[in-house]
């Protein structure tokens, strides 16, 4: 049996585990692309199955590989995403997919270096100019939005990525590969 213990019920739950109470929180943040790469996470452009249309919302994480569908960022990207976020924020019954996606992108993109990592993997195409412009776009999209972290559609992806990146063995392995096995 669970009960809410915080004024904001979407933030903290009290769970009974082996007769003891334990707090559990859905991750609100994930590390940026630079930190994820240092933790051993590989970035890969997700390709839609043959005959299906790709959706940039279809982000997945499995076995240390983060698959993100291709997104071309141009002058129309910000207004489109802002309008979709506004729709979700204003109409409670339409879901939170775009808000969740933009929050995900805001988390993995902090700097121009993070954008460069995603570009080098074929995940992002930058038609705005500099990578800093793309970083600024994603860093400003979710300001003032609300999201129930316990129920957003990328919740499991957030949890898996945080767990993977916090496991020290993965960081050591990534460092070893980067420092000693990157060149033949």
C-alpha atoms as a PDB file:
ATOM      1  CA  UNK A   1       0.000   0.000   0.000  1.00  0.00           C
ATOM      2  CA  UNK A   2       1.341   3.432  -0.940  1.00  0.00           C
ATOM      3  CA  UNK A   3       0.325   6.827   0.273  1.00  0.00           C
ATOM      4  CA  UNK A   4       1.478  10.287  -0.687  1.00  0.00           C
ATOM      5  CA  UNK A   5       3.664  12.024   1.868  1.00  0.00           C
ATOM      6  CA  UNK A   6       4.484  15.268   0.084  1.00  0.00           C
ATOM      7  CA  UNK A   7       2.307  18.253  -0.692  1.00  0.00           C
ATOM      8  CA  UNK A   8       3.023  17.551  -4.349  1.00  0.00           C
ATOM      9  CA  UNK A   9       1.835  13.947  -4.740  1.00  0.00           C
ATOM     10  CA  UNK A  10       3.680  13.531  -8.028  1.00  0.00           C
ATOM     11  CA  UNK A  11       7.061  13.991  -6.355  1.00  0.00           C
ATOM     12  CA  UNK A  12       7.421  11.537  -3.507  1.00  0.00           C
ATOM     13  CA  UNK A  13       5.754   8.268  -2.571  1.00  0.00           C
ATOM     14  CA  UNK A  14       6.060   6.280   0.608  1.00  0.00           C
ATOM     15  CA  UNK A  15       6.462   2.566  -0.069  1.00  0.00           C
ATOM     16  CA  UNK A  16       6.331  -0.302   2.388  1.00  0.00           C
ATOM     17  CA  UNK A  17       9.312  -2.555   1.758  1.00  0.00           C
ATOM     18  CA  UNK A  18       9.854  -5.523   4.087  1.00  0.00           C
ATOM     19  CA  UNK A  19       7.691  -3.851   6.705  1.00  0.00           C
ATOM     20  CA  UNK A  20       9.700  -0.601   6.578  1.00  0.00           C
ATOM     21  CA  UNK A  21       8.769   2.656   4.940  1.00  0.00           C
ATOM     22  CA  UNK A  22      11.025   3.847   2.165  1.00  0.00           C
ATOM     23  CA  UNK A  23      10.908   6.967   0.007  1.00  0.00           C
ATOM     24  CA  UNK A  24      10.996   6.523  -3.748  1.00  0.00           C
ATOM     25  CA  UNK A  25      11.345   9.285  -6.299  1.00  0.00           C
ATOM     26  CA  UNK A  26      11.156   9.191 -10.031  1.00  0.00           C
ATOM     27  CA  UNK A  27      14.297  10.794 -11.448  1.00  0.00           C
ATOM     28  CA  UNK A  28      13.738  14.408 -12.394  1.00  0.00           C
ATOM     29  CA  UNK A  29      17.025  14.700 -14.214  1.00  0.00           C
ATOM     30  CA  UNK A  30      19.401  12.594 -16.195  1.00  0.00           C
ATOM     31  CA  UNK A  31      23.018  13.479 -16.922  1.00  0.00           C
ATOM     32  CA  UNK A  32      23.927  15.402 -20.064  1.00  0.00           C
ATOM     33  CA  UNK A  33      25.296  13.665 -23.167  1.00  0.00           C
ATOM     34  CA  UNK A  34      28.902  14.386 -22.188  1.00  0.00           C
ATOM     35  CA  UNK A  35      28.420  12.791 -18.757  1.00  0.00           C
ATOM     36  CA  UNK A  36      26.440   9.886 -20.185  1.00  0.00           C
ATOM     37  CA  UNK A  37      29.213   9.147 -22.665  1.00  0.00           C
ATOM     38  CA  UNK A  38      31.779   9.287 -19.834  1.00  0.00           C
ATOM     39  CA  UNK A  39      29.612   6.792 -17.928  1.00  0.00           C
ATOM     40  CA  UNK A  40      29.830   4.376 -20.849  1.00  0.00           C
ATOM     41  CA  UNK A  41      26.506   5.057 -22.524  1.00  0.00           C
ATOM     42  CA  UNK A  42      26.612   4.789 -26.300  1.00  0.00           C
ATOM     43  CA  UNK A  43      24.425   7.030 -28.464  1.00  0.00           C
ATOM     44  CA  UNK A  44      22.782   5.609 -31.536  1.00  0.00           C
ATOM     45  CA  UNK A  45      20.402   6.999 -34.119  1.00  0.00           C
ATOM     46  CA  UNK A  46      17.169   5.034 -33.899  1.00  0.00           C
ATOM     47  CA  UNK A  47      15.843   3.874 -37.229  1.00  0.00           C
ATOM     48  CA  UNK A  48      12.166   3.122 -37.725  1.00  0.00           C
ATOM     49  CA  UNK A  49      11.261  -0.404 -38.808  1.00  0.00           C
ATOM     50  CA  UNK A  50      10.841  -0.754 -42.549  1.00  0.00           C
ATOM     51  CA  UNK A  51       7.511   0.555 -43.735  1.00  0.00           C
ATOM     52  CA  UNK A  52       6.882   2.625 -40.600  1.00  0.00           C
ATOM     53  CA  UNK A  53       7.224   6.340 -40.033  1.00  0.00           C
ATOM     54  CA  UNK A  54       9.828   7.391 -37.481  1.00  0.00           C
ATOM     55  CA  UNK A  55       8.699   9.410 -34.493  1.00  0.00           C
ATOM     56  CA  UNK A  56      11.256  11.465 -32.635  1.00  0.00           C
ATOM     57  CA  UNK A  57       9.337  10.636 -29.458  1.00  0.00           C
ATOM     58  CA  UNK A  58      10.422   6.991 -29.619  1.00  0.00           C
ATOM     59  CA  UNK A  59      13.481   7.165 -27.328  1.00  0.00           C
ATOM     60  CA  UNK A  60      14.795   3.925 -25.827  1.00  0.00           C
ATOM     61  CA  UNK A  61      17.636   2.736 -23.604  1.00  0.00           C
ATOM     62  CA  UNK A  62      18.891  -0.824 -23.483  1.00  0.00           C
ATOM     63  CA  UNK A  63      22.158  -2.463 -22.483  1.00  0.00           C
ATOM     64  CA  UNK A  64      24.050   0.816 -22.279  1.00  0.00           C
ATOM     65  CA  UNK A  65      22.837   2.121 -25.630  1.00  0.00           C
ATOM     66  CA  UNK A  66      20.592   5.158 -25.863  1.00  0.00           C
ATOM     67  CA  UNK A  67      18.668   5.175 -29.125  1.00  0.00           C
ATOM     68  CA  UNK A  68      17.200   8.499 -30.160  1.00  0.00           C
ATOM     69  CA  UNK A  69      15.376   9.089 -33.449  1.00  0.00           C
ATOM     70  CA  UNK A  70      16.688  11.690 -35.873  1.00  0.00           C
ATOM     71  CA  UNK A  71      15.601  15.305 -35.413  1.00  0.00           C
ATOM     72  CA  UNK A  72      16.356  18.144 -37.786  1.00  0.00           C
ATOM     73  CA  UNK A  73      16.487  21.382 -35.798  1.00  0.00           C
ATOM     74  CA  UNK A  74      15.630  24.512 -37.747  1.00  0.00           C
ATOM     75  CA  UNK A  75      13.774  27.786 -37.199  1.00  0.00           C
ATOM     76  CA  UNK A  76      10.403  25.978 -37.029  1.00  0.00           C
ATOM     77  CA  UNK A  77      11.421  23.462 -34.346  1.00  0.00           C
ATOM     78  CA  UNK A  78      11.012  25.759 -31.347  1.00  0.00           C
ATOM     79  CA  UNK A  79       7.536  27.091 -32.260  1.00  0.00           C
ATOM     80  CA  UNK A  80       6.295  23.591 -33.123  1.00  0.00           C
ATOM     81  CA  UNK A  81       7.490  22.064 -29.867  1.00  0.00           C
ATOM     82  CA  UNK A  82       6.291  25.057 -27.820  1.00  0.00           C
ATOM     83  CA  UNK A  83       2.816  24.763 -29.349  1.00  0.00           C
ATOM     84  CA  UNK A  84       2.670  21.027 -28.647  1.00  0.00           C
ATOM     85  CA  UNK A  85       3.829  21.580 -25.058  1.00  0.00           C
ATOM     86  CA  UNK A  86       1.206  24.329 -24.649  1.00  0.00           C
ATOM     87  CA  UNK A  87      -1.473  21.950 -25.922  1.00  0.00           C
ATOM     88  CA  UNK A  88      -0.437  19.286 -23.412  1.00  0.00           C
ATOM     89  CA  UNK A  89      -0.180  21.786 -20.568  1.00  0.00           C
ATOM     90  CA  UNK A  90      -3.584  23.289 -21.345  1.00  0.00           C
ATOM     91  CA  UNK A  91      -5.521  20.098 -22.011  1.00  0.00           C
ATOM     92  CA  UNK A  92      -4.980  17.534 -19.301  1.00  0.00           C
ATOM     93  CA  UNK A  93      -6.426  14.667 -21.305  1.00  0.00           C
ATOM     94  CA  UNK A  94      -3.982  14.733 -24.246  1.00  0.00           C
ATOM     95  CA  UNK A  95      -0.992  13.237 -22.429  1.00  0.00           C
ATOM     96  CA  UNK A  96       2.515  14.522 -21.849  1.00  0.00           C
ATOM     97  CA  UNK A  97       4.588  12.962 -24.611  1.00  0.00           C
ATOM     98  CA  UNK A  98       6.006  16.157 -26.099  1.00  0.00           C
ATOM     99  CA  UNK A  99       6.649  17.729 -22.699  1.00  0.00           C
ATOM    100  CA  UNK A 100       8.423  14.551 -21.625  1.00  0.00           C
ATOM    101  CA  UNK A 101      10.468  14.435 -24.840  1.00  0.00           C
ATOM    102  CA  UNK A 102      11.506  18.083 -24.515  1.00  0.00           C
ATOM    103  CA  UNK A 103      12.432  17.525 -20.869  1.00  0.00           C
ATOM    104  CA  UNK A 104      14.534  14.545 -21.963  1.00  0.00           C
ATOM    105  CA  UNK A 105      16.306  16.628 -24.620  1.00  0.00           C
ATOM    106  CA  UNK A 106      16.766  19.512 -22.168  1.00  0.00           C
ATOM    107  CA  UNK A 107      18.480  17.099 -19.780  1.00  0.00           C
ATOM    108  CA  UNK A 108      20.874  15.512 -22.258  1.00  0.00           C
ATOM    109  CA  UNK A 109      21.700  18.834 -23.934  1.00  0.00           C
ATOM    110  CA  UNK A 110      23.335  21.408 -21.688  1.00  0.00           C
ATOM    111  CA  UNK A 111      26.084  22.766 -23.904  1.00  0.00           C
ATOM    112  CA  UNK A 112      27.204  22.989 -27.501  1.00  0.00           C
ATOM    113  CA  UNK A 113      29.433  19.988 -26.753  1.00  0.00           C
ATOM    114  CA  UNK A 114      26.378  17.867 -25.990  1.00  0.00           C
ATOM    115  CA  UNK A 115      24.812  18.924 -29.290  1.00  0.00           C
ATOM    116  CA  UNK A 116      28.062  18.019 -31.071  1.00  0.00           C
ATOM    117  CA  UNK A 117      27.921  14.503 -29.595  1.00  0.00           C
ATOM    118  CA  UNK A 118      24.362  14.011 -30.844  1.00  0.00           C
ATOM    119  CA  UNK A 119      25.235  15.459 -34.256  1.00  0.00           C
ATOM    120  CA  UNK A 120      28.242  13.149 -34.603  1.00  0.00           C
ATOM    121  CA  UNK A 121      25.958  10.160 -33.996  1.00  0.00           C
ATOM    122  CA  UNK A 122      23.484  11.302 -36.656  1.00  0.00           C
ATOM    123  CA  UNK A 123      20.764  12.020 -34.094  1.00  0.00           C
ATOM    124  CA  UNK A 124      20.558  15.784 -34.606  1.00  0.00           C
ATOM    125  CA  UNK A 125      20.876  17.897 -37.701  1.00  0.00           C
ATOM    126  CA  UNK A 126      21.609  21.529 -36.923  1.00  0.00           C
ATOM    127  CA  UNK A 127      20.095  23.988 -39.380  1.00  0.00           C
ATOM    128  CA  UNK A 128      20.148  26.896 -36.925  1.00  0.00           C
ATOM    129  CA  UNK A 129      23.811  27.761 -37.145  1.00  0.00           C
ATOM    130  CA  UNK A 130      25.950  27.076 -34.097  1.00  0.00           C
ATOM    131  CA  UNK A 131      25.514  24.199 -31.684  1.00  0.00           C
ATOM    132  CA  UNK A 132      25.069  26.713 -28.856  1.00  0.00           C
ATOM    133  CA  UNK A 133      21.828  27.879 -30.504  1.00  0.00           C
ATOM    134  CA  UNK A 134      20.437  24.336 -30.431  1.00  0.00           C
ATOM    135  CA  UNK A 135      21.490  23.960 -26.794  1.00  0.00           C
ATOM    136  CA  UNK A 136      19.760  27.240 -25.911  1.00  0.00           C
ATOM    137  CA  UNK A 137      16.613  26.147 -27.751  1.00  0.00           C
ATOM    138  CA  UNK A 138      16.256  22.929 -25.745  1.00  0.00           C
ATOM    139  CA  UNK A 139      17.337  24.541 -22.473  1.00  0.00           C
ATOM    140  CA  UNK A 140      14.509  27.073 -22.718  1.00  0.00           C
ATOM    141  CA  UNK A 141      11.632  24.879 -23.964  1.00  0.00           C
ATOM    142  CA  UNK A 142      10.444  23.473 -20.636  1.00  0.00           C
ATOM    143  CA  UNK A 143      10.656  26.595 -18.497  1.00  0.00           C
ATOM    144  CA  UNK A 144       7.394  26.993 -16.612  1.00  0.00           C
ATOM    145  CA  UNK A 145       5.981  23.599 -17.567  1.00  0.00           C
ATOM    146  CA  UNK A 146       4.483  21.038 -15.216  1.00  0.00           C
ATOM    147  CA  UNK A 147       5.114  17.328 -15.442  1.00  0.00           C
ATOM    148  CA  UNK A 148       4.150  14.488 -13.140  1.00  0.00           C
ATOM    149  CA  UNK A 149       7.471  12.715 -12.901  1.00  0.00           C
ATOM    150  CA  UNK A 150       5.918   9.537 -11.567  1.00  0.00           C
ATOM    151  CA  UNK A 151       3.823   9.193 -14.723  1.00  0.00           C
ATOM    152  CA  UNK A 152       5.636  10.736 -17.674  1.00  0.00           C
ATOM    153  CA  UNK A 153       6.161   8.489 -20.630  1.00  0.00           C
ATOM    154  CA  UNK A 154       9.996   8.533 -20.456  1.00  0.00           C
ATOM    155  CA  UNK A 155      10.041   7.621 -16.753  1.00  0.00           C
ATOM    156  CA  UNK A 156      11.460   4.120 -17.274  1.00  0.00           C
ATOM    157  CA  UNK A 157      14.116   5.428 -19.649  1.00  0.00           C
ATOM    158  CA  UNK A 158      15.148   8.026 -17.045  1.00  0.00           C
ATOM    159  CA  UNK A 159      15.333   5.373 -14.314  1.00  0.00           C
ATOM    160  CA  UNK A 160      17.371   2.945 -16.419  1.00  0.00           C
ATOM    161  CA  UNK A 161      19.815   5.626 -17.568  1.00  0.00           C
ATOM    162  CA  UNK A 162      20.363   6.973 -14.056  1.00  0.00           C
ATOM    163  CA  UNK A 163      20.918   3.464 -12.684  1.00  0.00           C
ATOM    164  CA  UNK A 164      23.366   2.629 -15.480  1.00  0.00           C
ATOM    165  CA  UNK A 165      25.319   5.882 -15.217  1.00  0.00           C
ATOM    166  CA  UNK A 166      25.593   5.615 -11.424  1.00  0.00           C
ATOM    167  CA  UNK A 167      27.106   2.126 -11.591  1.00  0.00           C
ATOM    168  CA  UNK A 168      30.849   2.824 -11.219  1.00  0.00           C
ATOM    169  CA  UNK A 169      31.940  -0.225 -13.236  1.00  0.00           C
ATOM    170  CA  UNK A 170      30.448   1.279 -16.405  1.00  0.00           C
ATOM    171  CA  UNK A 171      32.371   4.524 -15.925  1.00  0.00           C
ATOM    172  CA  UNK A 172      35.639   2.659 -15.352  1.00  0.00           C
ATOM    173  CA  UNK A 173      35.067   0.543 -18.445  1.00  0.00           C
ATOM    174  CA  UNK A 174      34.266   3.606 -20.560  1.00  0.00           C
ATOM    175  CA  UNK A 175      37.408   5.341 -19.327  1.00  0.00           C
ATOM    176  CA  UNK A 176      39.512   2.281 -20.100  1.00  0.00           C
ATOM    177  CA  UNK A 177      38.115   1.962 -23.624  1.00  0.00           C
ATOM    178  CA  UNK A 178      38.441   5.691 -24.296  1.00  0.00           C
ATOM    179  CA  UNK A 179      41.982   6.022 -22.937  1.00  0.00           C
ATOM    180  CA  UNK A 180      43.556   2.757 -24.064  1.00  0.00           C
ATOM    181  CA  UNK A 181      41.524   1.161 -26.839  1.00  0.00           C
ATOM    182  CA  UNK A 182      40.277   4.072 -28.939  1.00  0.00           C
ATOM    183  CA  UNK A 183      43.133   3.836 -31.473  1.00  0.00           C
ATOM    184  CA  UNK A 184      44.716   0.641 -32.799  1.00  0.00           C
END
